[in-house]
Amino acid sequence: MKLTDTQLNVFISKVLHLGKGKRKEFLTQVDFLIQSLDKKIKEDASFKVKGFKKTGSIMKGTVLKPSGDFGVDADIAVFLDVSESEKNDIENLHQIIRNLLVAVYPTKKPQDFRVQPRTLGIHFHTSGLDVDLVPVIPIPKQEGYGWQPSSQRGQPVKTSIQGQLDFIKNRRDADPRFKSIVRLLKKWRNENELERFRSFTIELLVAHLYDQNGAATSLEDGLQRFFLFRCSNWPYQAHHFS
């Protein structure tokens, strides 16, 4: 049975959409965290941190409503004041961020932090928000670009945080179904426990299909062409955006 956009949008609204009020609440909490971290590095330059930038699904408008084991993650890029030669020392990069977090939240327990190949996470019990802090080492003479740990435990990747946000925003603005298609696919990914299938990979594939074929004629069409896609001639390389 073919599903109409109206039917799928009811599902998206009730099951997948975080809601403007809730998104604003989480973003306010993220802003407060950044303000607290920024205040600390201005007081003490020994933390080797230059600045911060909100990123991830909550900024791209593709975040999902919490469900089961899947909560809301907010990503913050943490620009570190270290040399390029240190980009492979992931433990040290994470420790820099951990030291800063402990200085701001001295009552946090060790279990409130989680280390992943790409990020250092912190959990806020009251709101249920998980924040992933991504270390980024700026590249001299290449404004806006930096080295970021690989999620696959490989070599660091060259990335532009603002480039990622702009890339998705351009497709989102051009195609009103873009966010809904991405949300539906992220739900499918979660239900099938495909943890290594990152949200950004889904966004890139949906963007590629838009660039190659134009806007999907319906949400169902957008889903079908995603599942029928074959990765030959895939144009987006990891080092462009990570």
C-alpha atoms as a PDB file:
ATOM      1  CA  MET A   1       0.000   0.000   0.000  1.00  0.00           C
ATOM      2  CA  LYS A   2       1.375   3.385  -1.000  1.00  0.00           C
ATOM      3  CA  LEU A   3       1.642   5.888   1.846  1.00  0.00           C
ATOM      4  CA  THR A   4       0.859   9.533   1.216  1.00  0.00           C
ATOM      5  CA  ASP A   5       2.922  12.439   2.537  1.00  0.00           C
ATOM      6  CA  THR A   6       0.002  13.329   4.793  1.00  0.00           C
ATOM      7  CA  GLN A   7       0.051   9.898   6.414  1.00  0.00           C
ATOM      8  CA  LEU A   8       3.818   9.852   6.833  1.00  0.00           C
ATOM      9  CA  ASN A   9       3.884  13.411   8.166  1.00  0.00           C
ATOM     10  CA  VAL A  10       1.430  12.415  10.915  1.00  0.00           C
ATOM     11  CA  PHE A  11       3.877   9.671  11.937  1.00  0.00           C
ATOM     12  CA  ILE A  12       6.825  12.075  11.760  1.00  0.00           C
ATOM     13  CA  SER A  13       5.021  14.701  13.825  1.00  0.00           C
ATOM     14  CA  LYS A  14       3.854  12.295  16.541  1.00  0.00           C
ATOM     15  CA  VAL A  15       6.795   9.872  16.707  1.00  0.00           C
ATOM     16  CA  LEU A  16       9.937  11.447  15.236  1.00  0.00           C
ATOM     17  CA  HIS A  17       9.787  15.227  15.582  1.00  0.00           C
ATOM     18  CA  LEU A  18      11.438  16.571  18.726  1.00  0.00           C
ATOM     19  CA  GLY A  19       9.193  19.626  18.813  1.00  0.00           C
ATOM     20  CA  LYS A  20      10.199  23.276  18.606  1.00  0.00           C
ATOM     21  CA  GLY A  21       9.762  23.882  22.320  1.00  0.00           C
ATOM     22  CA  LYS A  22      11.905  20.906  23.292  1.00  0.00           C
ATOM     23  CA  ARG A  23      14.571  21.738  20.706  1.00  0.00           C
ATOM     24  CA  LYS A  24      14.760  25.283  22.072  1.00  0.00           C
ATOM     25  CA  GLU A  25      15.064  23.908  25.606  1.00  0.00           C
ATOM     26  CA  PHE A  26      17.984  21.646  24.655  1.00  0.00           C
ATOM     27  CA  LEU A  27      19.712  24.402  22.670  1.00  0.00           C
ATOM     28  CA  THR A  28      19.410  26.724  25.672  1.00  0.00           C
ATOM     29  CA  GLN A  29      21.147  24.094  27.789  1.00  0.00           C
ATOM     30  CA  VAL A  30      23.889  23.684  25.170  1.00  0.00           C
ATOM     31  CA  ASP A  31      24.352  27.468  25.022  1.00  0.00           C
ATOM     32  CA  PHE A  32      24.694  27.598  28.814  1.00  0.00           C
ATOM     33  CA  LEU A  33      27.308  24.817  28.694  1.00  0.00           C
ATOM     34  CA  ILE A  34      29.305  26.670  26.029  1.00  0.00           C
ATOM     35  CA  GLN A  35      29.082  29.924  28.001  1.00  0.00           C
ATOM     36  CA  SER A  36      30.358  28.148  31.115  1.00  0.00           C
ATOM     37  CA  LEU A  37      33.225  26.487  29.225  1.00  0.00           C
ATOM     38  CA  ASP A  38      34.103  29.716  27.435  1.00  0.00           C
ATOM     39  CA  LYS A  39      34.207  31.625  30.724  1.00  0.00           C
ATOM     40  CA  LYS A  40      36.591  29.040  32.185  1.00  0.00           C
ATOM     41  CA  ILE A  41      39.073  29.145  29.267  1.00  0.00           C
ATOM     42  CA  LYS A  42      39.107  32.949  29.416  1.00  0.00           C
ATOM     43  CA  GLU A  43      39.980  32.714  33.099  1.00  0.00           C
ATOM     44  CA  ASP A  44      42.665  30.081  32.547  1.00  0.00           C
ATOM     45  CA  ALA A  45      44.473  29.689  29.208  1.00  0.00           C
ATOM     46  CA  SER A  46      46.213  26.492  30.376  1.00  0.00           C
ATOM     47  CA  PHE A  47      43.277  24.395  29.150  1.00  0.00           C
ATOM     48  CA  LYS A  48      44.540  24.707  25.544  1.00  0.00           C
ATOM     49  CA  VAL A  49      41.070  25.377  24.134  1.00  0.00           C
ATOM     50  CA  LYS A  50      40.374  28.147  21.598  1.00  0.00           C
ATOM     51  CA  GLY A  51      36.594  28.040  21.277  1.00  0.00           C
ATOM     52  CA  PHE A  52      33.406  26.112  20.595  1.00  0.00           C
ATOM     53  CA  LYS A  53      30.731  25.664  17.921  1.00  0.00           C
ATOM     54  CA  LYS A  54      27.346  23.939  18.024  1.00  0.00           C
ATOM     55  CA  THR A  55      26.943  21.283  15.362  1.00  0.00           C
ATOM     56  CA  GLY A  56      25.254  17.923  14.726  1.00  0.00           C
ATOM     57  CA  SER A  57      21.652  16.906  14.081  1.00  0.00           C
ATOM     58  CA  ILE A  58      20.126  19.337  16.556  1.00  0.00           C
ATOM     59  CA  MET A  59      21.606  22.226  14.554  1.00  0.00           C
ATOM     60  CA  LYS A  60      20.814  20.670  11.174  1.00  0.00           C
ATOM     61  CA  GLY A  61      17.153  20.201  12.097  1.00  0.00           C
ATOM     62  CA  THR A  62      17.187  16.401  11.716  1.00  0.00           C
ATOM     63  CA  VAL A  63      17.282  15.372  15.380  1.00  0.00           C
ATOM     64  CA  LEU A  64      14.865  12.643  16.503  1.00  0.00           C
ATOM     65  CA  LYS A  65      12.555  12.586  19.507  1.00  0.00           C
ATOM     66  CA  PRO A  66      13.973  10.378  22.305  1.00  0.00           C
ATOM     67  CA  SER A  67      12.787   6.781  22.067  1.00  0.00           C
ATOM     68  CA  GLY A  68      13.860   3.748  24.075  1.00  0.00           C
ATOM     69  CA  ASP A  69      17.644   3.611  24.282  1.00  0.00           C
ATOM     70  CA  PHE A  70      17.987   6.506  21.845  1.00  0.00           C
ATOM     71  CA  GLY A  71      18.122   9.895  23.517  1.00  0.00           C
ATOM     72  CA  VAL A  72      18.938  13.359  22.221  1.00  0.00           C
ATOM     73  CA  ASP A  73      22.568  14.066  21.411  1.00  0.00           C
ATOM     74  CA  ALA A  74      23.888  17.583  20.952  1.00  0.00           C
ATOM     75  CA  ASP A  75      27.319  17.991  19.371  1.00  0.00           C
ATOM     76  CA  ILE A  76      29.828  20.700  20.209  1.00  0.00           C
ATOM     77  CA  ALA A  77      33.042  21.146  18.235  1.00  0.00           C
ATOM     78  CA  VAL A  78      35.880  22.026  20.617  1.00  0.00           C
ATOM     79  CA  PHE A  79      38.723  23.852  18.865  1.00  0.00           C
ATOM     80  CA  LEU A  80      41.968  22.952  20.617  1.00  0.00           C
ATOM     81  CA  ASP A  81      45.129  25.026  20.918  1.00  0.00           C
ATOM     82  CA  VAL A  82      47.556  22.214  20.102  1.00  0.00           C
ATOM     83  CA  SER A  83      49.894  21.494  17.191  1.00  0.00           C
ATOM     84  CA  GLU A  84      48.950  19.421  14.146  1.00  0.00           C
ATOM     85  CA  SER A  85      51.511  16.834  15.239  1.00  0.00           C
ATOM     86  CA  GLU A  86      49.273  15.997  18.209  1.00  0.00           C
ATOM     87  CA  LYS A  87      46.234  15.124  16.108  1.00  0.00           C
ATOM     88  CA  ASN A  88      46.777  11.369  16.512  1.00  0.00           C
ATOM     89  CA  ASP A  89      46.985  11.457  20.310  1.00  0.00           C
ATOM     90  CA  ILE A  90      43.262  10.901  20.919  1.00  0.00           C
ATOM     91  CA  GLU A  91      43.655  10.170  24.616  1.00  0.00           C
ATOM     92  CA  ASN A  92      45.369  13.516  25.162  1.00  0.00           C
ATOM     93  CA  LEU A  93      42.741  15.393  23.135  1.00  0.00           C
ATOM     94  CA  HIS A  94      39.956  13.802  25.171  1.00  0.00           C
ATOM     95  CA  GLN A  95      41.814  14.513  28.416  1.00  0.00           C
ATOM     96  CA  ILE A  96      42.055  18.220  27.574  1.00  0.00           C
ATOM     97  CA  ILE A  97      38.277  18.350  27.184  1.00  0.00           C
ATOM     98  CA  ARG A  98      37.673  16.204  30.277  1.00  0.00           C
ATOM     99  CA  ASN A  99      39.878  18.489  32.412  1.00  0.00           C
ATOM    100  CA  LEU A 100      37.883  21.499  31.275  1.00  0.00           C
ATOM    101  CA  LEU A 101      34.537  19.811  31.960  1.00  0.00           C
ATOM    102  CA  VAL A 102      35.621  18.733  35.443  1.00  0.00           C
ATOM    103  CA  ALA A 103      36.753  22.293  36.175  1.00  0.00           C
ATOM    104  CA  VAL A 104      33.278  23.561  35.244  1.00  0.00           C
ATOM    105  CA  TYR A 105      31.316  20.625  36.752  1.00  0.00           C
ATOM    106  CA  PRO A 106      33.429  19.350  39.691  1.00  0.00           C
ATOM    107  CA  THR A 107      30.586  17.171  41.014  1.00  0.00           C
ATOM    108  CA  LYS A 108      30.313  15.121  37.815  1.00  0.00           C
ATOM    109  CA  LYS A 109      31.041  11.427  38.322  1.00  0.00           C
ATOM    110  CA  PRO A 110      33.336   9.344  36.065  1.00  0.00           C
ATOM    111  CA  GLN A 111      30.320   7.446  34.708  1.00  0.00           C
ATOM    112  CA  ASP A 112      28.837  10.738  33.488  1.00  0.00           C
ATOM    113  CA  PHE A 113      31.570  10.814  30.822  1.00  0.00           C
ATOM    114  CA  ARG A 114      31.752   8.413  27.905  1.00  0.00           C
ATOM    115  CA  VAL A 115      34.690   8.103  25.545  1.00  0.00           C
ATOM    116  CA  GLN A 116      34.093   7.209  21.906  1.00  0.00           C
ATOM    117  CA  PRO A 117      36.594   7.137  19.023  1.00  0.00           C
ATOM    118  CA  ARG A 118      35.485  10.555  17.829  1.00  0.00           C
ATOM    119  CA  THR A 119      34.064  12.310  20.900  1.00  0.00           C
ATOM    120  CA  LEU A 120      34.007  12.741  24.646  1.00  0.00           C
ATOM    121  CA  GLY A 121      30.438  12.674  25.918  1.00  0.00           C
ATOM    122  CA  ILE A 122      28.818  14.126  29.012  1.00  0.00           C
ATOM    123  CA  HIS A 123      25.364  13.216  30.345  1.00  0.00           C
ATOM    124  CA  PHE A 124      22.993  15.621  32.097  1.00  0.00           C
ATOM    125  CA  HIS A 125      20.668  13.660  34.369  1.00  0.00           C
ATOM    126  CA  THR A 126      17.986  16.313  34.884  1.00  0.00           C
ATOM    127  CA  SER A 127      17.172  16.921  31.217  1.00  0.00           C
ATOM    128  CA  GLY A 128      18.410  13.600  29.839  1.00  0.00           C
ATOM    129  CA  LEU A 129      20.538  15.459  27.291  1.00  0.00           C
ATOM    130  CA  ASP A 130      23.765  13.861  26.084  1.00  0.00           C
ATOM    131  CA  VAL A 131      26.403  16.245  24.751  1.00  0.00           C
ATOM    132  CA  ASP A 132      29.204  14.946  22.535  1.00  0.00           C
ATOM    133  CA  LEU A 133      32.274  17.171  22.469  1.00  0.00           C
ATOM    134  CA  VAL A 134      34.322  16.704  19.311  1.00  0.00           C
ATOM    135  CA  PRO A 135      37.993  17.734  19.429  1.00  0.00           C
ATOM    136  CA  VAL A 136      39.071  19.732  16.382  1.00  0.00           C
ATOM    137  CA  ILE A 137      42.623  20.911  15.704  1.00  0.00           C
ATOM    138  CA  PRO A 138      42.540  24.010  13.437  1.00  0.00           C
ATOM    139  CA  ILE A 139      44.773  23.823  10.362  1.00  0.00           C
ATOM    140  CA  PRO A 140      47.075  26.861  10.018  1.00  0.00           C
ATOM    141  CA  LYS A 141      46.450  29.011   6.918  1.00  0.00           C
ATOM    142  CA  GLN A 142      43.259  27.064   6.098  1.00  0.00           C
ATOM    143  CA  GLU A 143      40.606  29.080   7.883  1.00  0.00           C
ATOM    144  CA  GLY A 144      37.564  27.064   8.899  1.00  0.00           C
ATOM    145  CA  TYR A 145      39.270  23.687   8.466  1.00  0.00           C
ATOM    146  CA  GLY A 146      40.633  21.353  11.097  1.00  0.00           C
ATOM    147  CA  TRP A 147      41.610  17.777  11.950  1.00  0.00           C
ATOM    148  CA  GLN A 148      38.996  15.670  13.677  1.00  0.00           C
ATOM    149  CA  PRO A 149      39.289  12.105  15.057  1.00  0.00           C
ATOM    150  CA  SER A 150      37.848   9.391  12.861  1.00  0.00           C
ATOM    151  CA  SER A 151      34.727   7.584  14.050  1.00  0.00           C
ATOM    152  CA  GLN A 152      36.241   4.392  12.574  1.00  0.00           C
ATOM    153  CA  ARG A 153      39.434   4.609  14.666  1.00  0.00           C
ATOM    154  CA  GLY A 154      41.444   5.479  11.572  1.00  0.00           C
ATOM    155  CA  GLN A 155      43.561   8.491  10.745  1.00  0.00           C
ATOM    156  CA  PRO A 156      42.166  11.938  11.664  1.00  0.00           C
ATOM    157  CA  VAL A 157      40.049  13.492   8.920  1.00  0.00           C
ATOM    158  CA  LYS A 158      40.140  16.991   7.515  1.00  0.00           C
ATOM    159  CA  THR A 159      36.833  18.729   8.095  1.00  0.00           C
ATOM    160  CA  SER A 160      34.990  22.022   8.090  1.00  0.00           C
ATOM    161  CA  ILE A 161      32.320  22.258  10.784  1.00  0.00           C
ATOM    162  CA  GLN A 162      30.719  25.294   9.159  1.00  0.00           C
ATOM    163  CA  GLY A 163      31.029  23.566   5.784  1.00  0.00           C
ATOM    164  CA  GLN A 164      29.002  20.631   7.103  1.00  0.00           C
ATOM    165  CA  LEU A 165      26.274  22.917   8.438  1.00  0.00           C
ATOM    166  CA  ASP A 166      26.132  25.009   5.255  1.00  0.00           C
ATOM    167  CA  PHE A 167      26.079  21.926   3.021  1.00  0.00           C
ATOM    168  CA  ILE A 168      23.057  20.443   4.797  1.00  0.00           C
ATOM    169  CA  LYS A 169      21.290  23.806   5.125  1.00  0.00           C
ATOM    170  CA  ASN A 170      21.518  24.402   1.368  1.00  0.00           C
ATOM    171  CA  ARG A 171      19.845  21.041   0.606  1.00  0.00           C
ATOM    172  CA  ARG A 172      17.331  21.495   3.419  1.00  0.00           C
ATOM    173  CA  ASP A 173      16.335  24.927   2.096  1.00  0.00           C
ATOM    174  CA  ALA A 174      16.067  23.633  -1.471  1.00  0.00           C
ATOM    175  CA  ASP A 175      14.009  20.530  -0.674  1.00  0.00           C
ATOM    176  CA  PRO A 176      11.183  20.799   1.904  1.00  0.00           C
ATOM    177  CA  ARG A 177      11.102  16.993   2.242  1.00  0.00           C
ATOM    178  CA  PHE A 178      14.829  16.696   3.030  1.00  0.00           C
ATOM    179  CA  LYS A 179      14.538  16.773   6.845  1.00  0.00           C
ATOM    180  CA  SER A 180      11.587  14.380   6.909  1.00  0.00           C
ATOM    181  CA  ILE A 181      13.314  11.834   4.660  1.00  0.00           C
ATOM    182  CA  VAL A 182      16.428  11.973   6.839  1.00  0.00           C
ATOM    183  CA  ARG A 183      14.373  11.528  10.018  1.00  0.00           C
ATOM    184  CA  LEU A 184      12.560   8.496   8.602  1.00  0.00           C
ATOM    185  CA  LEU A 185      15.857   6.919   7.555  1.00  0.00           C
ATOM    186  CA  LYS A 186      17.462   7.584  10.933  1.00  0.00           C
ATOM    187  CA  LYS A 187      14.492   5.864  12.573  1.00  0.00           C
ATOM    188  CA  TRP A 188      14.982   2.885  10.228  1.00  0.00           C
ATOM    189  CA  ARG A 189      18.704   2.858  11.115  1.00  0.00           C
ATOM    190  CA  ASN A 190      17.949   2.829  14.844  1.00  0.00           C
ATOM    191  CA  GLU A 191      15.290   0.142  14.580  1.00  0.00           C
ATOM    192  CA  ASN A 192      17.733  -2.092  12.686  1.00  0.00           C
ATOM    193  CA  GLU A 193      20.577  -1.395  15.150  1.00  0.00           C
ATOM    194  CA  LEU A 194      22.925  -0.147  12.438  1.00  0.00           C
ATOM    195  CA  GLU A 195      25.043   1.862  14.869  1.00  0.00           C
ATOM    196  CA  ARG A 196      27.936   2.388  12.438  1.00  0.00           C
ATOM    197  CA  PHE A 197      25.625   3.944   9.843  1.00  0.00           C
ATOM    198  CA  ARG A 198      26.196   7.515  10.950  1.00  0.00           C
ATOM    199  CA  SER A 199      23.561  10.235  10.659  1.00  0.00           C
ATOM    200  CA  PHE A 200      25.862  12.361   8.506  1.00  0.00           C
ATOM    201  CA  THR A 201      26.251   9.495   6.032  1.00  0.00           C
ATOM    202  CA  ILE A 202      22.465   9.335   5.710  1.00  0.00           C
ATOM    203  CA  GLU A 203      22.318  13.113   5.189  1.00  0.00           C
ATOM    204  CA  LEU A 204      25.030  12.935   2.514  1.00  0.00           C
ATOM    205  CA  LEU A 205      23.251  10.137   0.641  1.00  0.00           C
ATOM    206  CA  VAL A 206      19.921  11.980   0.674  1.00  0.00           C
ATOM    207  CA  ALA A 207      21.733  15.149  -0.462  1.00  0.00           C
ATOM    208  CA  HIS A 208      23.479  13.258  -3.267  1.00  0.00           C
ATOM    209  CA  LEU A 209      20.194  11.829  -4.518  1.00  0.00           C
ATOM    210  CA  TYR A 210      18.730  15.342  -4.521  1.00  0.00           C
ATOM    211  CA  ASP A 211      21.747  16.712  -6.434  1.00  0.00           C
ATOM    212  CA  GLN A 212      21.631  13.844  -8.919  1.00  0.00           C
ATOM    213  CA  ASN A 213      17.880  13.478  -9.480  1.00  0.00           C
ATOM    214  CA  GLY A 214      16.217  16.577  -8.063  1.00  0.00           C
ATOM    215  CA  ALA A 215      13.667  16.631  -5.269  1.00  0.00           C
ATOM    216  CA  ALA A 216      11.794  13.416  -4.513  1.00  0.00           C
ATOM    217  CA  THR A 217       8.181  13.522  -5.687  1.00  0.00           C
ATOM    218  CA  SER A 218       7.001  12.220  -2.299  1.00  0.00           C
ATOM    219  CA  LEU A 219       8.404  11.017   1.009  1.00  0.00           C
ATOM    220  CA  GLU A 220       7.886   7.416  -0.049  1.00  0.00           C
ATOM    221  CA  ASP A 221       9.718   8.104  -3.309  1.00  0.00           C
ATOM    222  CA  GLY A 222      12.588   9.610  -1.320  1.00  0.00           C
ATOM    223  CA  LEU A 223      12.822   6.475   0.821  1.00  0.00           C
ATOM    224  CA  GLN A 224      12.588   4.087  -2.122  1.00  0.00           C
ATOM    225  CA  ARG A 225      15.346   5.742  -4.120  1.00  0.00           C
ATOM    226  CA  PHE A 226      17.570   5.721  -1.030  1.00  0.00           C
ATOM    227  CA  PHE A 227      17.195   1.960  -0.619  1.00  0.00           C
ATOM    228  CA  LEU A 228      17.680   1.381  -4.359  1.00  0.00           C
ATOM    229  CA  PHE A 229      20.823   3.511  -4.508  1.00  0.00           C
ATOM    230  CA  ARG A 230      24.099   1.827  -5.416  1.00  0.00           C
ATOM    231  CA  CYS A 231      27.310   3.485  -4.188  1.00  0.00           C
ATOM    232  CA  SER A 232      29.127   3.524  -7.544  1.00  0.00           C
ATOM    233  CA  ASN A 233      30.435   6.956  -8.508  1.00  0.00           C
ATOM    234  CA  TRP A 234      29.915   8.237  -4.948  1.00  0.00           C
ATOM    235  CA  PRO A 235      31.245  11.836  -5.097  1.00  0.00           C
ATOM    236  CA  TYR A 236      31.544  12.884  -1.454  1.00  0.00           C
ATOM    237  CA  GLN A 237      34.856  12.015   0.141  1.00  0.00           C
ATOM    238  CA  ALA A 238      35.186  11.791   3.917  1.00  0.00           C
ATOM    239  CA  HIS A 239      37.885  14.461   4.142  1.00  0.00           C
ATOM    240  CA  HIS A 240      35.543  17.085   2.725  1.00  0.00           C
ATOM    241  CA  PHE A 241      33.222  17.137   5.678  1.00  0.00           C
ATOM    242  CA  SER A 242      34.035  14.041   7.827  1.00  0.00           C
END
